[in-house]
Amino acid sequence: MVYVEQPVGVGFTQGTPDISNEVELGQQFVGFWKNFMQAFQLEQRKVYITGESYAGYYIPYVADAFITQNDDEYYNLKGVAINDPIIGDNTVQQDVILSPYVDYWSNIFNFNETFTNYLHSLHSSCGYESYISKYLTYPPPPGPFPVPPDPEAVRNSSCATWDIAYYAINLLNPCFNVYHITDYCPLLYNPEIPYFNRLDVQAAINAPVGTVWQQCTNTNVFPPDGDQSLGPAQDGVLQRVIEHNNNTIIGVGGLDYILPTNGTLLALQNLTWNGVQGFQSYPGGREVFVPYHMEYNQGSLAASGYVGRWGHERGLTFYQVDYAGHQQPQYAPGSSYRVIELLLGRISALDQPGSFSTQ
């Protein structure tokens, strides 16, 4: 297993950022990857790429760059898995679906009736209610779907429902976690001492000792104006990846506020792959099963049993894990391990009974 920090400007990477889009990122990555494979004599290996969050951009573009190389000696791509990804338009994946998400988890948000009604009125007046009714259907209407106006482009926009609800919940719960909505005060971790800033850790992993490592860098890694690429579900990139390997897995944690499930599904319903647009049936008709197991690591307990829903059509698997947050391998390691087993072909389905393949 190889952990990669990229692009230049994040983590322990060296150099100065000099790219402006995901195509350039993919070009840089394939150069690095070939050098890495040669240095460690890993030619001819099968390659599976996984990640989360903004890796919803990174992974499809990197995978597409692998495919373009047409060279199985170094780029023998066999599958990709992405959890809680941004793959399409921000407004669609956050603002459009926000009010129904808050309603679903109303016992957690606990907004009063006045504010809840306010969110409902914005959901209607901004056109989000009609957008969901028309486009979040199975099968979907013919695309491409229109892209709603970006509320972030207008100062103090009343259609920035994601921001509006976020500010409100932080008044009620100042420890609110956009990655896992059931977190409350006090904070259960110390964000001031990142593990990778320990000098002994840096020395042990041969990283540049003295680096100030950040989980999310302050450096603009796409200078000067940010990432200029469309989401991979918008420009054909994700389609090519799915059709190349017919082994693409996308999943979302039910407790993720930053990128909720229905936003990802809206992006996928606007995508055509293997000749058909979107999922023809709701991809939640089957249950995600995690084998029952002994717990040996009290620092990383993992749920067992039926923990979510999933579906599969034409080479694309979609799943939701109910009690997972944005960082699924952290919040739900058992189901995340099961997804890796599916990716690698060790199981044939996420509801397959029995033990883990490594038990």
Protein backbone atom coordinates (compact mmCIF):
# COMPACT_ATOMS: atom_id res chain seq x y z
CA MET A 1 0.00 0.00 0.00
CA VAL A 2 1.32 3.43 -0.98
CA TYR A 3 0.20 6.66 0.68
CA VAL A 4 0.69 9.68 -1.59
CA GLU A 5 0.61 13.34 -0.58
CA GLN A 6 -0.09 15.47 -3.62
CA PRO A 7 -0.17 17.93 -5.33
CA VAL A 8 2.98 19.91 -4.64
CA GLY A 9 2.32 22.25 -1.72
CA VAL A 10 0.62 19.82 0.65
CA GLY A 11 2.03 17.80 3.54
CA PHE A 12 5.70 16.89 3.13
CA THR A 13 5.84 17.57 -0.61
CA GLN A 14 8.79 19.56 -1.92
CA GLY A 15 8.77 22.31 -4.51
CA THR A 16 6.59 25.23 -5.54
CA PRO A 17 3.03 24.73 -6.85
CA ASP A 18 2.86 25.49 -10.57
CA ILE A 19 -0.36 23.93 -11.85
CA SER A 20 -3.81 25.42 -12.38
CA ASN A 21 -6.01 22.44 -13.14
CA GLU A 22 -6.50 18.70 -12.69
CA VAL A 23 -5.16 17.72 -16.11
CA GLU A 24 -1.80 19.22 -15.19
CA LEU A 25 -2.02 17.48 -11.82
CA GLY A 26 -2.54 14.15 -13.57
CA GLN A 27 0.46 14.77 -15.81
CA GLN A 28 2.66 15.46 -12.80
CA PHE A 29 1.36 12.40 -11.00
CA VAL A 30 2.08 9.94 -13.82
CA GLY A 31 5.65 11.21 -13.96
CA PHE A 32 6.08 10.69 -10.23
CA TRP A 33 4.40 7.29 -10.38
CA LYS A 34 6.66 5.92 -13.11
CA ASN A 35 9.74 7.04 -11.19
CA PHE A 36 8.37 5.44 -8.02
CA MET A 37 7.59 2.15 -9.76
CA GLN A 38 11.05 2.02 -11.28
CA ALA A 39 12.81 2.94 -8.04
CA PHE A 40 11.14 0.09 -6.12
CA GLN A 41 10.94 -2.36 -9.03
CA LEU A 42 7.15 -2.55 -8.96
CA GLU A 43 6.57 -2.80 -12.70
CA GLN A 44 3.57 -4.85 -13.89
CA ARG A 45 1.71 -4.46 -10.59
CA LYS A 46 -2.04 -3.99 -10.60
CA VAL A 47 -2.97 -0.51 -9.39
CA TYR A 48 -6.03 0.49 -7.36
CA ILE A 49 -6.50 4.13 -6.35
CA THR A 50 -8.51 5.25 -3.31
CA GLY A 51 -9.19 8.49 -1.47
CA GLU A 52 -11.83 10.77 0.00
CA SER A 53 -13.28 14.27 -0.18
CA TYR A 54 -11.41 16.44 -2.73
CA ALA A 55 -9.95 13.19 -4.00
CA GLY A 56 -13.28 13.11 -5.81
CA TYR A 57 -11.48 15.45 -8.20
CA TYR A 58 -7.96 14.05 -7.83
CA ILE A 59 -8.61 10.35 -8.30
CA PRO A 60 -10.67 10.42 -11.50
CA TYR A 61 -8.24 12.85 -13.14
CA VAL A 62 -5.21 10.81 -12.04
CA ALA A 63 -6.93 7.59 -13.16
CA ASP A 64 -7.76 9.20 -16.50
CA ALA A 65 -4.09 10.18 -16.88
CA PHE A 66 -3.14 6.54 -16.20
CA ILE A 67 -5.58 5.36 -18.87
CA THR A 68 -4.19 7.86 -21.38
CA GLN A 69 -0.67 6.47 -20.90
CA ASN A 70 -1.84 3.11 -22.33
CA ASP A 71 1.05 1.41 -20.54
CA ASP A 72 0.24 -1.51 -18.24
CA GLU A 73 3.84 -1.84 -17.16
CA TYR A 74 3.44 1.21 -14.93
CA TYR A 75 -0.23 2.22 -15.09
CA ASN A 76 -2.18 -1.04 -14.89
CA LEU A 77 -5.30 0.52 -13.40
CA LYS A 78 -7.79 -2.05 -12.10
CA GLY A 79 -10.19 0.01 -10.00
CA VAL A 80 -10.88 3.14 -7.97
CA ALA A 81 -12.80 3.80 -4.75
CA ILE A 82 -13.73 7.24 -3.44
CA ASN A 83 -15.66 8.05 -0.29
CA ASP A 84 -17.53 11.27 0.46
CA PRO A 85 -16.33 12.92 -2.75
CA ILE A 86 -16.86 16.21 -4.50
CA ILE A 87 -17.34 15.08 -8.09
CA GLY A 88 -19.67 17.73 -9.50
CA ASP A 89 -20.98 21.22 -8.86
CA ASN A 90 -20.61 22.60 -5.32
CA THR A 91 -24.05 24.18 -5.27
CA VAL A 92 -25.72 20.93 -6.30
CA GLN A 93 -23.77 18.84 -3.81
CA GLN A 94 -24.24 21.21 -0.85
CA ASP A 95 -26.91 23.93 -1.07
CA VAL A 96 -29.56 22.21 -3.19
CA ILE A 97 -29.90 19.21 -0.86
CA LEU A 98 -29.25 20.95 2.46
CA SER A 99 -32.79 21.60 3.75
CA PRO A 100 -34.00 18.00 3.35
CA TYR A 101 -30.78 16.82 5.00
CA VAL A 102 -31.44 19.03 8.03
CA ASP A 103 -35.03 17.76 8.16
CA TYR A 104 -33.85 14.15 8.11
CA TRP A 105 -31.52 14.80 11.04
CA SER A 106 -33.81 17.31 12.79
CA ASN A 107 -33.33 15.63 16.16
CA ILE A 108 -29.60 16.37 15.92
CA PHE A 109 -29.77 19.92 14.55
CA ASN A 110 -32.68 20.82 16.85
CA PHE A 111 -33.43 24.10 15.06
CA ASN A 112 -36.52 25.92 16.29
CA GLU A 113 -39.65 26.12 14.17
CA THR A 114 -38.95 29.66 12.96
CA PHE A 115 -35.52 28.85 11.57
CA THR A 116 -36.67 25.52 10.13
CA ASN A 117 -39.48 27.29 8.26
CA TYR A 118 -36.94 29.86 7.04
CA LEU A 119 -34.78 27.11 5.57
CA HIS A 120 -37.86 25.59 3.93
CA SER A 121 -38.77 28.94 2.36
CA LEU A 122 -35.25 29.36 0.95
CA HIS A 123 -35.30 25.79 -0.33
CA SER A 124 -38.42 26.65 -2.30
CA SER A 125 -37.64 30.21 -3.42
CA CYS A 126 -34.12 29.34 -4.59
CA GLY A 127 -35.51 26.61 -6.83
CA TYR A 128 -33.86 23.79 -4.91
CA GLU A 129 -37.10 21.99 -4.08
CA SER A 130 -38.17 21.80 -7.73
CA TYR A 131 -34.61 20.87 -8.78
CA ILE A 132 -34.63 17.82 -6.49
CA SER A 133 -38.14 16.83 -7.51
CA LYS A 134 -37.21 16.88 -11.18
CA TYR A 135 -33.66 15.54 -11.22
CA LEU A 136 -33.19 13.27 -8.18
CA THR A 137 -35.28 10.52 -9.75
CA TYR A 138 -34.64 6.93 -10.83
CA PRO A 139 -34.23 6.78 -13.75
CA PRO A 140 -33.32 10.46 -14.22
CA PRO A 141 -34.68 12.76 -16.92
CA PRO A 142 -32.40 13.24 -19.92
CA GLY A 143 -29.41 15.45 -19.17
CA PRO A 144 -27.36 17.43 -18.98
CA PHE A 145 -29.00 19.01 -15.94
CA PRO A 146 -28.78 22.82 -15.58
CA VAL A 147 -26.21 24.14 -13.10
CA PRO A 148 -27.87 26.32 -10.44
CA PRO A 149 -26.43 29.80 -9.84
CA ASP A 150 -23.52 29.82 -7.40
CA PRO A 151 -24.74 31.56 -4.22
CA GLU A 152 -21.13 32.18 -3.20
CA ALA A 153 -20.81 34.53 -6.19
CA VAL A 154 -23.32 36.92 -4.58
CA ARG A 155 -22.44 38.53 -1.27
CA ASN A 156 -24.86 37.63 1.51
CA SER A 157 -26.89 35.45 -0.84
CA SER A 158 -29.98 33.99 0.81
CA CYS A 159 -29.54 30.88 -1.35
CA ALA A 160 -26.29 29.88 0.38
CA THR A 161 -28.30 27.48 2.53
CA TRP A 162 -25.30 25.33 3.48
CA ASP A 163 -23.56 28.37 5.01
CA ILE A 164 -26.72 29.70 6.62
CA ALA A 165 -27.45 26.42 8.41
CA TYR A 166 -23.77 26.03 9.33
CA TYR A 167 -23.67 29.41 11.07
CA ALA A 168 -26.92 28.60 12.90
CA ILE A 169 -25.84 25.19 14.18
CA ASN A 170 -22.58 26.64 15.48
CA LEU A 171 -24.58 28.94 17.74
CA LEU A 172 -26.37 25.93 19.22
CA ASN A 173 -23.34 23.63 19.16
CA PRO A 174 -20.01 25.50 19.01
CA CYS A 175 -18.23 22.15 18.67
CA PHE A 176 -20.27 21.17 15.60
CA ASN A 177 -18.24 19.02 13.24
CA VAL A 178 -19.07 19.32 9.53
CA TYR A 179 -17.45 15.91 9.05
CA HIS A 180 -19.54 14.11 11.69
CA ILE A 181 -22.72 15.86 12.80
CA THR A 182 -23.26 14.00 16.08
CA ASP A 183 -20.15 15.50 17.72
CA TYR A 184 -20.75 17.79 20.69
CA CYS A 185 -18.63 19.70 23.21
CA PRO A 186 -16.07 19.16 24.53
CA LEU A 187 -13.79 18.45 21.59
CA LEU A 188 -12.44 14.92 21.90
CA TYR A 189 -9.07 15.63 20.32
CA ASN A 190 -6.27 18.18 20.44
CA PRO A 191 -6.00 19.84 17.04
CA GLU A 192 -2.86 21.74 18.07
CA ILE A 193 -0.42 18.81 18.03
CA PRO A 194 -0.58 16.97 14.69
CA TYR A 195 1.10 13.58 14.88
CA PHE A 196 3.14 14.26 11.76
CA ASN A 197 4.70 17.35 13.35
CA ARG A 198 6.56 15.24 15.88
CA LEU A 199 10.22 15.39 14.94
CA ASP A 200 10.79 11.74 15.81
CA VAL A 201 7.93 10.73 13.54
CA GLN A 202 9.28 12.85 10.70
CA ALA A 203 12.71 11.27 11.09
CA ALA A 204 11.24 7.75 11.24
CA ILE A 205 9.37 8.14 7.93
CA ASN A 206 12.26 9.94 6.21
CA ALA A 207 10.29 13.15 5.87
CA PRO A 208 12.00 16.56 5.92
CA VAL A 209 12.54 17.07 9.66
CA GLY A 210 11.21 20.40 10.85
CA THR A 211 8.36 20.61 8.33
CA VAL A 212 5.19 22.18 9.68
CA TRP A 213 2.72 19.56 8.47
CA GLN A 214 -0.95 20.53 8.09
CA GLN A 215 -3.94 18.34 7.43
CA CYS A 216 -5.28 21.08 5.14
CA THR A 217 -2.57 23.34 3.82
CA ASN A 218 -2.78 27.13 3.72
CA THR A 219 -0.83 27.05 0.46
CA ASN A 220 -2.73 27.64 -2.77
CA VAL A 221 -1.79 24.49 -4.66
CA PHE A 222 -3.47 25.77 -7.86
CA PRO A 223 -2.04 29.29 -8.13
CA PRO A 224 -3.12 31.95 -8.64
CA ASP A 225 -6.88 31.46 -8.93
CA GLY A 226 -7.55 27.96 -7.63
CA ASP A 227 -8.47 24.75 -9.42
CA GLN A 228 -9.87 25.64 -12.85
CA SER A 229 -11.21 22.16 -13.64
CA LEU A 230 -14.82 21.08 -13.71
CA GLY A 231 -15.86 18.19 -11.52
CA PRO A 232 -15.04 14.84 -13.15
CA ALA A 233 -18.75 13.99 -13.31
CA GLN A 234 -19.26 17.10 -15.45
CA ASP A 235 -16.68 16.74 -18.21
CA GLY A 236 -16.47 13.04 -19.13
CA VAL A 237 -13.49 12.14 -16.95
CA LEU A 238 -15.40 9.99 -14.45
CA GLN A 239 -17.29 8.34 -17.30
CA ARG A 240 -14.04 7.25 -18.95
CA VAL A 241 -12.70 5.86 -15.67
CA ILE A 242 -15.85 3.83 -14.96
CA GLU A 243 -15.95 2.44 -18.48
CA HIS A 244 -12.25 1.56 -18.49
CA ASN A 245 -12.23 -0.74 -15.48
CA ASN A 246 -15.91 -1.35 -14.61
CA ASN A 247 -14.74 -1.36 -11.01
CA THR A 248 -15.50 2.07 -9.56
CA ILE A 249 -16.89 2.46 -6.04
CA ILE A 250 -18.32 5.69 -4.61
CA GLY A 251 -19.73 5.97 -1.10
CA VAL A 252 -20.93 8.50 1.46
CA GLY A 253 -21.28 8.57 5.24
CA GLY A 254 -24.78 9.33 6.45
CA LEU A 255 -23.49 11.75 9.11
CA ASP A 256 -21.43 13.83 6.67
CA TYR A 257 -22.60 17.47 6.53
CA ILE A 258 -19.97 18.81 4.17
CA LEU A 259 -20.97 16.52 1.26
CA PRO A 260 -24.26 14.72 2.02
CA THR A 261 -25.44 11.63 0.20
CA ASN A 262 -28.11 13.16 -2.03
CA GLY A 263 -25.69 15.72 -3.46
CA THR A 264 -23.44 12.94 -4.68
CA LEU A 265 -26.42 11.06 -6.11
CA LEU A 266 -27.58 14.19 -7.97
CA ALA A 267 -24.13 14.45 -9.56
CA LEU A 268 -24.24 10.79 -10.58
CA GLN A 269 -27.77 11.05 -12.00
CA ASN A 270 -26.39 13.68 -14.39
CA LEU A 271 -23.61 11.32 -15.54
CA THR A 272 -23.80 8.88 -18.44
CA TRP A 273 -21.68 5.74 -18.31
CA ASN A 274 -21.70 2.57 -20.36
CA GLY A 275 -24.42 3.95 -22.60
CA VAL A 276 -27.05 4.91 -20.02
CA GLN A 277 -27.53 8.01 -17.88
CA GLY A 278 -27.60 7.66 -14.10
CA PHE A 279 -28.83 4.86 -11.90
CA GLN A 280 -32.04 3.34 -13.23
CA SER A 281 -33.07 2.24 -9.74
CA TYR A 282 -32.22 3.82 -6.38
CA PRO A 283 -28.79 2.40 -5.45
CA GLY A 284 -29.84 1.43 -1.95
CA GLY A 285 -31.81 -1.72 -2.48
CA ARG A 286 -29.27 -3.98 -0.79
CA GLU A 287 -27.72 -3.85 2.69
CA VAL A 288 -24.05 -3.31 3.50
CA PHE A 289 -22.87 -6.15 5.72
CA VAL A 290 -19.80 -6.01 7.95
CA PRO A 291 -18.71 -9.42 9.33
CA TYR A 292 -18.92 -10.04 13.05
CA HIS A 293 -15.44 -10.04 14.51
CA MET A 294 -13.40 -9.87 17.68
CA GLU A 295 -12.20 -6.39 18.66
CA TYR A 296 -8.47 -6.37 19.37
CA ASN A 297 -7.82 -2.64 18.89
CA GLN A 298 -9.73 -0.55 21.41
CA GLY A 299 -8.50 2.58 19.65
CA SER A 300 -10.35 1.72 16.43
CA LEU A 301 -13.57 -0.12 17.15
CA ALA A 302 -15.56 -1.21 14.10
CA ALA A 303 -19.29 -1.86 13.77
CA SER A 304 -20.62 -5.26 12.75
CA GLY A 305 -23.79 -6.38 11.02
CA TYR A 306 -25.93 -4.41 8.59
CA VAL A 307 -24.63 -0.84 8.54
CA GLY A 308 -25.95 0.78 5.37
CA ARG A 309 -27.31 0.40 1.85
CA TRP A 310 -25.78 -0.07 -1.58
CA GLY A 311 -26.45 -0.72 -5.25
CA HIS A 312 -24.54 -1.48 -8.45
CA GLU A 313 -25.18 -0.73 -12.12
CA ARG A 314 -22.93 -1.02 -15.17
CA GLY A 315 -19.58 -1.03 -13.41
CA LEU A 316 -20.36 1.58 -10.74
CA THR A 317 -21.10 0.72 -7.09
CA PHE A 318 -22.68 3.32 -4.78
CA TYR A 319 -23.11 2.85 -1.03
CA GLN A 320 -24.01 4.74 2.13
CA VAL A 321 -22.86 3.83 5.64
CA ASP A 322 -25.43 5.19 8.09
CA TYR A 323 -23.30 6.11 11.11
CA ALA A 324 -20.14 7.12 9.24
CA GLY A 325 -18.90 10.67 8.90
CA HIS A 326 -16.86 12.25 6.13
CA GLN A 327 -13.66 10.36 6.96
CA GLN A 328 -15.23 6.93 6.60
CA PRO A 329 -12.15 4.79 7.31
CA GLN A 330 -11.86 6.63 10.65
CA TYR A 331 -15.51 6.51 11.64
CA ALA A 332 -16.42 3.15 10.09
CA PRO A 333 -13.26 1.08 9.58
CA GLY A 334 -15.12 -2.21 9.19
CA SER A 335 -17.28 -1.12 6.28
CA SER A 336 -14.34 0.73 4.70
CA TYR A 337 -12.30 -2.47 4.86
CA ARG A 338 -15.21 -4.29 3.24
CA VAL A 339 -15.17 -1.77 0.39
CA ILE A 340 -11.47 -2.45 -0.16
CA GLU A 341 -12.21 -6.17 -0.25
CA LEU A 342 -14.80 -5.53 -2.97
CA LEU A 343 -12.41 -3.28 -4.89
CA LEU A 344 -9.72 -5.97 -4.86
CA GLY A 345 -12.14 -8.71 -5.88
CA ARG A 346 -11.89 -10.60 -2.59
CA ILE A 347 -15.67 -10.47 -2.20
CA SER A 348 -18.33 -10.23 -4.90
CA ALA A 349 -20.83 -7.97 -3.14
CA LEU A 350 -21.12 -5.67 -0.11
CA ASP A 351 -23.86 -7.86 1.34
CA GLN A 352 -21.85 -11.05 1.04
CA PRO A 353 -22.20 -13.06 4.26
CA GLY A 354 -19.34 -14.69 6.10
CA SER A 355 -16.04 -13.44 7.47
CA PHE A 356 -13.52 -10.89 6.27
CA SER A 357 -11.23 -12.40 3.65
CA THR A 358 -8.33 -11.98 6.08
CA GLN A 359 -10.01 -13.63 9.08
